């Protein structure tokens, strides 16, 4: 194989694995003068899966979590490390605020301006579900990309939609801890949720191209006429990601 063809193949592999560097449609001239071969763009499913993998590999990010529960909306934001999971989150529960700190399977909370931390069951905050969302790639189904771009926190983004078979994702989980997080996600949303993913568009800044900016999972649509248009869907969870790879140092209070 010529040097030019080896370079083109390597470029294609990087597209699929990291969504960084070369983009679909790039060409590399052949050393023998033959017409250059176009590097195929990744499929919609591969693009979403690779974006999740790249974020997991980054190890951490600043997250903004929105959960639509039957008791009302919950929002949490702050730095998070994915493995082992750790987070320091500012949480809003309706009009009440709190600080939640998580270290793997332990969690603590302090309310309002109090300096007193109290133990908290990790089942009361969807931290496991957040981690599970990033390992759902083996269960992606029927992924399609919408035409055009939309703005996500100032970044031009391509929107992808589809569904997730969380049982299939669990079968492909790399370790039991990931399987547990996927189980938590299935219990929180549904075993086969719909998803919407927003990835940095090809014309976004280089650092944002192909990056997973936001991910939303929600239960399959209810029967026609039972859901008000535009209303929050109970069980839906949306996570926005920023600053992938940021240093996260969290200690027990």
Protein backbone atom coordinates (compact mmCIF):
# COMPACT_ATOMS: atom_id res chain seq x y z
CA UNK A 1 0.00 0.00 0.00
CA UNK A 2 1.35 3.46 -0.91
CA UNK A 3 2.12 6.05 1.73
CA UNK A 4 -0.80 8.23 0.51
CA UNK A 5 -3.32 5.36 0.76
CA UNK A 6 -2.06 4.46 4.27
CA UNK A 7 -2.57 8.08 5.33
CA UNK A 8 -6.12 8.09 3.94
CA UNK A 9 -6.96 4.86 5.80
CA UNK A 10 -5.56 6.24 9.05
CA UNK A 11 -7.58 9.41 8.61
CA UNK A 12 -10.77 7.39 8.15
CA UNK A 13 -10.08 5.42 11.32
CA UNK A 14 -9.63 8.61 13.32
CA UNK A 15 -12.96 9.91 12.05
CA UNK A 16 -14.78 6.84 13.30
CA UNK A 17 -12.98 6.58 16.62
CA UNK A 18 -12.58 10.16 17.78
CA UNK A 19 -14.49 12.42 15.40
CA UNK A 20 -11.42 14.63 15.37
CA UNK A 21 -8.79 15.69 12.88
CA UNK A 22 -10.01 14.70 9.39
CA UNK A 23 -13.65 15.00 8.33
CA UNK A 24 -15.79 13.00 5.89
CA UNK A 25 -15.05 13.74 2.26
CA UNK A 26 -11.35 14.53 2.81
CA UNK A 27 -9.09 13.33 0.03
CA UNK A 28 -5.50 12.19 -0.10
CA UNK A 29 -3.68 12.12 -3.44
CA UNK A 30 -2.25 8.76 -4.40
CA UNK A 31 1.52 8.56 -4.87
CA UNK A 32 1.07 6.84 -8.26
CA UNK A 33 -0.99 9.73 -9.67
CA UNK A 34 -4.31 7.85 -9.58
CA UNK A 35 -7.46 9.86 -8.68
CA UNK A 36 -7.66 10.47 -4.93
CA UNK A 37 -9.99 8.22 -2.93
CA UNK A 38 -12.64 9.96 -0.82
CA UNK A 39 -12.77 9.03 2.87
CA UNK A 40 -16.31 7.97 3.71
CA UNK A 41 -18.08 9.99 6.38
CA UNK A 42 -19.22 7.96 9.41
CA UNK A 43 -22.84 6.86 9.54
CA UNK A 44 -25.20 8.71 11.88
CA UNK A 45 -25.05 5.82 14.34
CA UNK A 46 -21.24 5.69 14.25
CA UNK A 47 -21.04 9.46 14.72
CA UNK A 48 -23.16 9.38 17.88
CA UNK A 49 -21.41 6.29 19.28
CA UNK A 50 -17.95 7.76 18.64
CA UNK A 51 -18.91 11.06 20.27
CA UNK A 52 -19.98 9.22 23.44
CA UNK A 53 -16.80 7.15 23.42
CA UNK A 54 -14.65 10.27 23.00
CA UNK A 55 -16.34 11.89 26.00
CA UNK A 56 -15.85 8.77 28.14
CA UNK A 57 -12.19 8.73 27.10
CA UNK A 58 -11.85 12.40 28.10
CA UNK A 59 -12.71 11.19 31.61
CA UNK A 60 -14.61 14.22 32.87
CA UNK A 61 -16.70 17.24 31.93
CA UNK A 62 -18.83 19.98 33.34
CA UNK A 63 -22.41 18.68 33.30
CA UNK A 64 -25.81 20.29 33.44
CA UNK A 65 -28.53 17.75 34.24
CA UNK A 66 -32.26 18.36 33.85
CA UNK A 67 -34.69 15.72 35.08
CA UNK A 68 -38.43 15.91 34.49
CA UNK A 69 -39.96 13.93 37.35
CA UNK A 70 -43.55 13.40 38.41
CA UNK A 71 -42.90 15.67 41.41
CA UNK A 72 -41.48 18.49 39.30
CA UNK A 73 -38.26 19.44 37.51
CA UNK A 74 -34.83 18.97 39.03
CA UNK A 75 -31.66 20.60 37.76
CA UNK A 76 -28.06 19.94 38.77
CA UNK A 77 -24.82 21.35 37.45
CA UNK A 78 -21.12 21.08 38.22
CA UNK A 79 -17.93 19.16 37.43
CA UNK A 80 -18.12 15.37 37.10
CA UNK A 81 -15.61 12.57 36.67
CA UNK A 82 -17.00 9.53 34.88
CA UNK A 83 -14.91 6.58 36.21
CA UNK A 84 -15.07 6.11 39.14
CA UNK A 85 -17.98 8.52 39.22
CA UNK A 86 -17.51 11.69 41.25
CA UNK A 87 -19.35 15.00 41.10
CA UNK A 88 -19.82 18.24 42.98
CA UNK A 89 -23.25 19.52 41.96
CA UNK A 90 -25.36 22.55 42.67
CA UNK A 91 -28.94 21.26 42.71
CA UNK A 92 -32.26 23.06 42.34
CA UNK A 93 -35.38 21.20 43.46
CA UNK A 94 -38.18 23.59 42.61
CA UNK A 95 -37.44 26.65 44.74
CA UNK A 96 -35.11 24.80 47.11
CA UNK A 97 -31.36 24.70 46.53
CA UNK A 98 -28.72 22.25 47.72
CA UNK A 99 -25.16 21.12 47.16
CA UNK A 100 -24.63 17.43 46.39
CA UNK A 101 -21.26 15.71 46.42
CA UNK A 102 -20.86 12.20 45.05
CA UNK A 103 -17.94 9.77 45.27
CA UNK A 104 -18.74 6.51 43.48
CA UNK A 105 -21.44 4.87 45.65
CA UNK A 106 -21.46 7.51 48.42
CA UNK A 107 -23.21 10.87 48.41
CA UNK A 108 -23.73 13.82 50.72
CA UNK A 109 -26.01 16.86 50.66
CA UNK A 110 -26.19 20.23 52.36
CA UNK A 111 -29.18 22.53 52.00
CA UNK A 112 -29.31 26.27 51.48
CA UNK A 113 -26.46 28.13 53.13
CA UNK A 114 -25.81 25.41 55.70
CA UNK A 115 -22.25 24.17 56.19
CA UNK A 116 -23.49 20.81 57.53
CA UNK A 117 -23.26 17.83 55.17
CA UNK A 118 -25.64 14.89 55.55
CA UNK A 119 -25.38 11.40 54.02
CA UNK A 120 -27.62 10.96 50.99
CA UNK A 121 -28.75 7.85 49.14
CA UNK A 122 -27.29 7.91 45.62
CA UNK A 123 -30.68 6.62 44.43
CA UNK A 124 -32.13 10.08 45.10
CA UNK A 125 -29.92 11.75 42.48
CA UNK A 126 -29.58 10.42 38.90
CA UNK A 127 -25.79 10.22 38.92
CA UNK A 128 -25.70 6.59 37.84
CA UNK A 129 -28.06 7.36 34.98
CA UNK A 130 -25.74 10.12 33.74
CA UNK A 131 -22.86 7.68 33.60
CA UNK A 132 -25.07 5.07 31.95
CA UNK A 133 -26.04 7.46 29.15
CA UNK A 134 -22.42 7.56 27.98
CA UNK A 135 -22.29 3.76 27.66
CA UNK A 136 -25.50 3.29 25.69
CA UNK A 137 -23.82 3.08 22.25
CA UNK A 138 -24.32 -0.72 21.78
CA UNK A 139 -28.07 -0.18 22.08
CA UNK A 140 -28.46 2.64 19.54
CA UNK A 141 -31.15 1.97 16.95
CA UNK A 142 -32.56 3.78 13.87
CA UNK A 143 -30.27 6.80 14.21
CA UNK A 144 -30.87 9.62 11.75
CA UNK A 145 -29.39 13.11 11.40
CA UNK A 146 -31.65 16.11 10.93
CA UNK A 147 -30.78 18.55 8.13
CA UNK A 148 -29.28 21.92 9.02
CA UNK A 149 -27.85 22.99 12.36
CA UNK A 150 -29.13 24.37 15.65
CA UNK A 151 -27.47 26.41 18.38
CA UNK A 152 -26.45 24.63 21.60
CA UNK A 153 -24.88 26.98 24.12
CA UNK A 154 -23.33 29.03 21.35
CA UNK A 155 -22.08 26.05 19.31
CA UNK A 156 -23.49 25.08 15.90
CA UNK A 157 -24.80 21.54 16.30
CA UNK A 158 -26.16 18.69 14.20
CA UNK A 159 -29.19 16.97 15.75
CA UNK A 160 -29.47 13.16 15.78
CA UNK A 161 -32.50 11.15 16.86
CA UNK A 162 -33.27 7.48 17.38
CA UNK A 163 -33.94 4.99 20.16
CA UNK A 164 -31.87 2.98 22.61
CA UNK A 165 -32.26 -0.67 23.59
CA UNK A 166 -30.77 -0.50 27.09
CA UNK A 167 -30.83 -4.29 27.48
CA UNK A 168 -28.57 -4.56 24.42
CA UNK A 169 -26.37 -1.81 25.79
CA UNK A 170 -26.09 -3.68 29.08
CA UNK A 171 -25.09 -6.87 27.23
CA UNK A 172 -22.20 -4.90 25.72
CA UNK A 173 -21.22 -3.18 28.98
CA UNK A 174 -17.46 -3.36 29.68
CA UNK A 175 -17.85 -4.04 33.42
CA UNK A 176 -20.55 -4.69 36.07
CA UNK A 177 -20.47 -1.10 37.33
CA UNK A 178 -21.49 0.18 33.89
CA UNK A 179 -24.26 -2.44 33.77
CA UNK A 180 -25.59 -1.15 37.09
CA UNK A 181 -25.68 2.41 35.74
CA UNK A 182 -27.55 1.27 32.64
CA UNK A 183 -30.07 -0.53 34.87
CA UNK A 184 -30.56 2.71 36.81
CA UNK A 185 -31.06 4.59 33.56
CA UNK A 186 -33.66 2.04 32.38
CA UNK A 187 -35.53 2.41 35.67
CA UNK A 188 -35.39 6.20 35.52
CA UNK A 189 -36.47 6.71 31.89
CA UNK A 190 -37.57 3.42 30.28
CA UNK A 191 -35.90 0.24 28.93
CA UNK A 192 -36.22 1.52 25.34
CA UNK A 193 -36.14 5.32 25.45
CA UNK A 194 -36.06 7.71 22.55
CA UNK A 195 -32.98 9.87 22.36
CA UNK A 196 -31.88 13.16 20.87
CA UNK A 197 -28.16 13.94 20.65
CA UNK A 198 -26.58 17.22 19.63
CA UNK A 199 -23.04 16.99 18.20
CA UNK A 200 -20.80 19.86 17.14
CA UNK A 201 -21.45 20.51 13.44
CA UNK A 202 -18.75 20.28 10.75
CA UNK A 203 -18.58 24.08 10.60
CA UNK A 204 -18.20 24.49 14.39
CA UNK A 205 -14.86 25.46 15.92
CA UNK A 206 -12.30 22.61 15.56
CA UNK A 207 -12.46 21.71 19.26
CA UNK A 208 -16.25 21.30 19.06
CA UNK A 209 -16.64 19.41 15.77
CA UNK A 210 -18.29 16.06 16.44
CA UNK A 211 -18.24 16.66 20.21
CA UNK A 212 -21.23 15.48 22.24
CA UNK A 213 -22.78 18.72 23.44
CA UNK A 214 -26.11 17.51 24.80
CA UNK A 215 -27.99 14.23 25.15
CA UNK A 216 -31.67 13.74 25.99
CA UNK A 217 -33.41 10.47 26.75
CA UNK A 218 -37.16 10.21 27.23
CA UNK A 219 -39.80 7.47 27.38
CA UNK A 220 -41.44 6.40 24.15
CA UNK A 221 -44.29 8.71 23.15
CA UNK A 222 -47.57 8.16 25.06
CA UNK A 223 -50.81 7.34 23.30
CA UNK A 224 -52.14 10.04 20.98
CA UNK A 225 -54.10 12.69 22.86
CA UNK A 226 -52.67 11.89 26.31
CA UNK A 227 -49.71 14.30 26.17
CA UNK A 228 -50.00 18.07 25.85
CA UNK A 229 -47.79 19.43 23.08
CA UNK A 230 -44.59 20.95 24.47
CA UNK A 231 -45.20 19.62 27.98
CA UNK A 232 -42.40 18.05 30.01
CA UNK A 233 -42.22 14.28 29.71
CA UNK A 234 -42.01 12.59 33.16
CA UNK A 235 -38.83 10.52 33.32
CA UNK A 236 -36.99 12.48 30.62
CA UNK A 237 -33.40 13.38 31.42
CA UNK A 238 -31.21 15.85 29.53
CA UNK A 239 -27.48 16.28 30.10
CA UNK A 240 -25.32 19.01 28.57
CA UNK A 241 -21.54 18.57 28.53
CA UNK A 242 -18.85 21.26 28.48
CA UNK A 243 -15.08 21.43 29.09
CA UNK A 244 -14.34 17.72 28.45
CA UNK A 245 -11.24 16.54 30.26
CA UNK A 246 -11.26 19.30 32.89
CA UNK A 247 -9.43 18.39 36.14
CA UNK A 248 -11.87 17.10 38.78
CA UNK A 249 -10.65 16.74 42.36
CA UNK A 250 -13.47 15.85 44.73
CA UNK A 251 -13.07 14.70 48.34
CA UNK A 252 -15.54 13.48 50.92
CA UNK A 253 -16.90 16.33 53.09
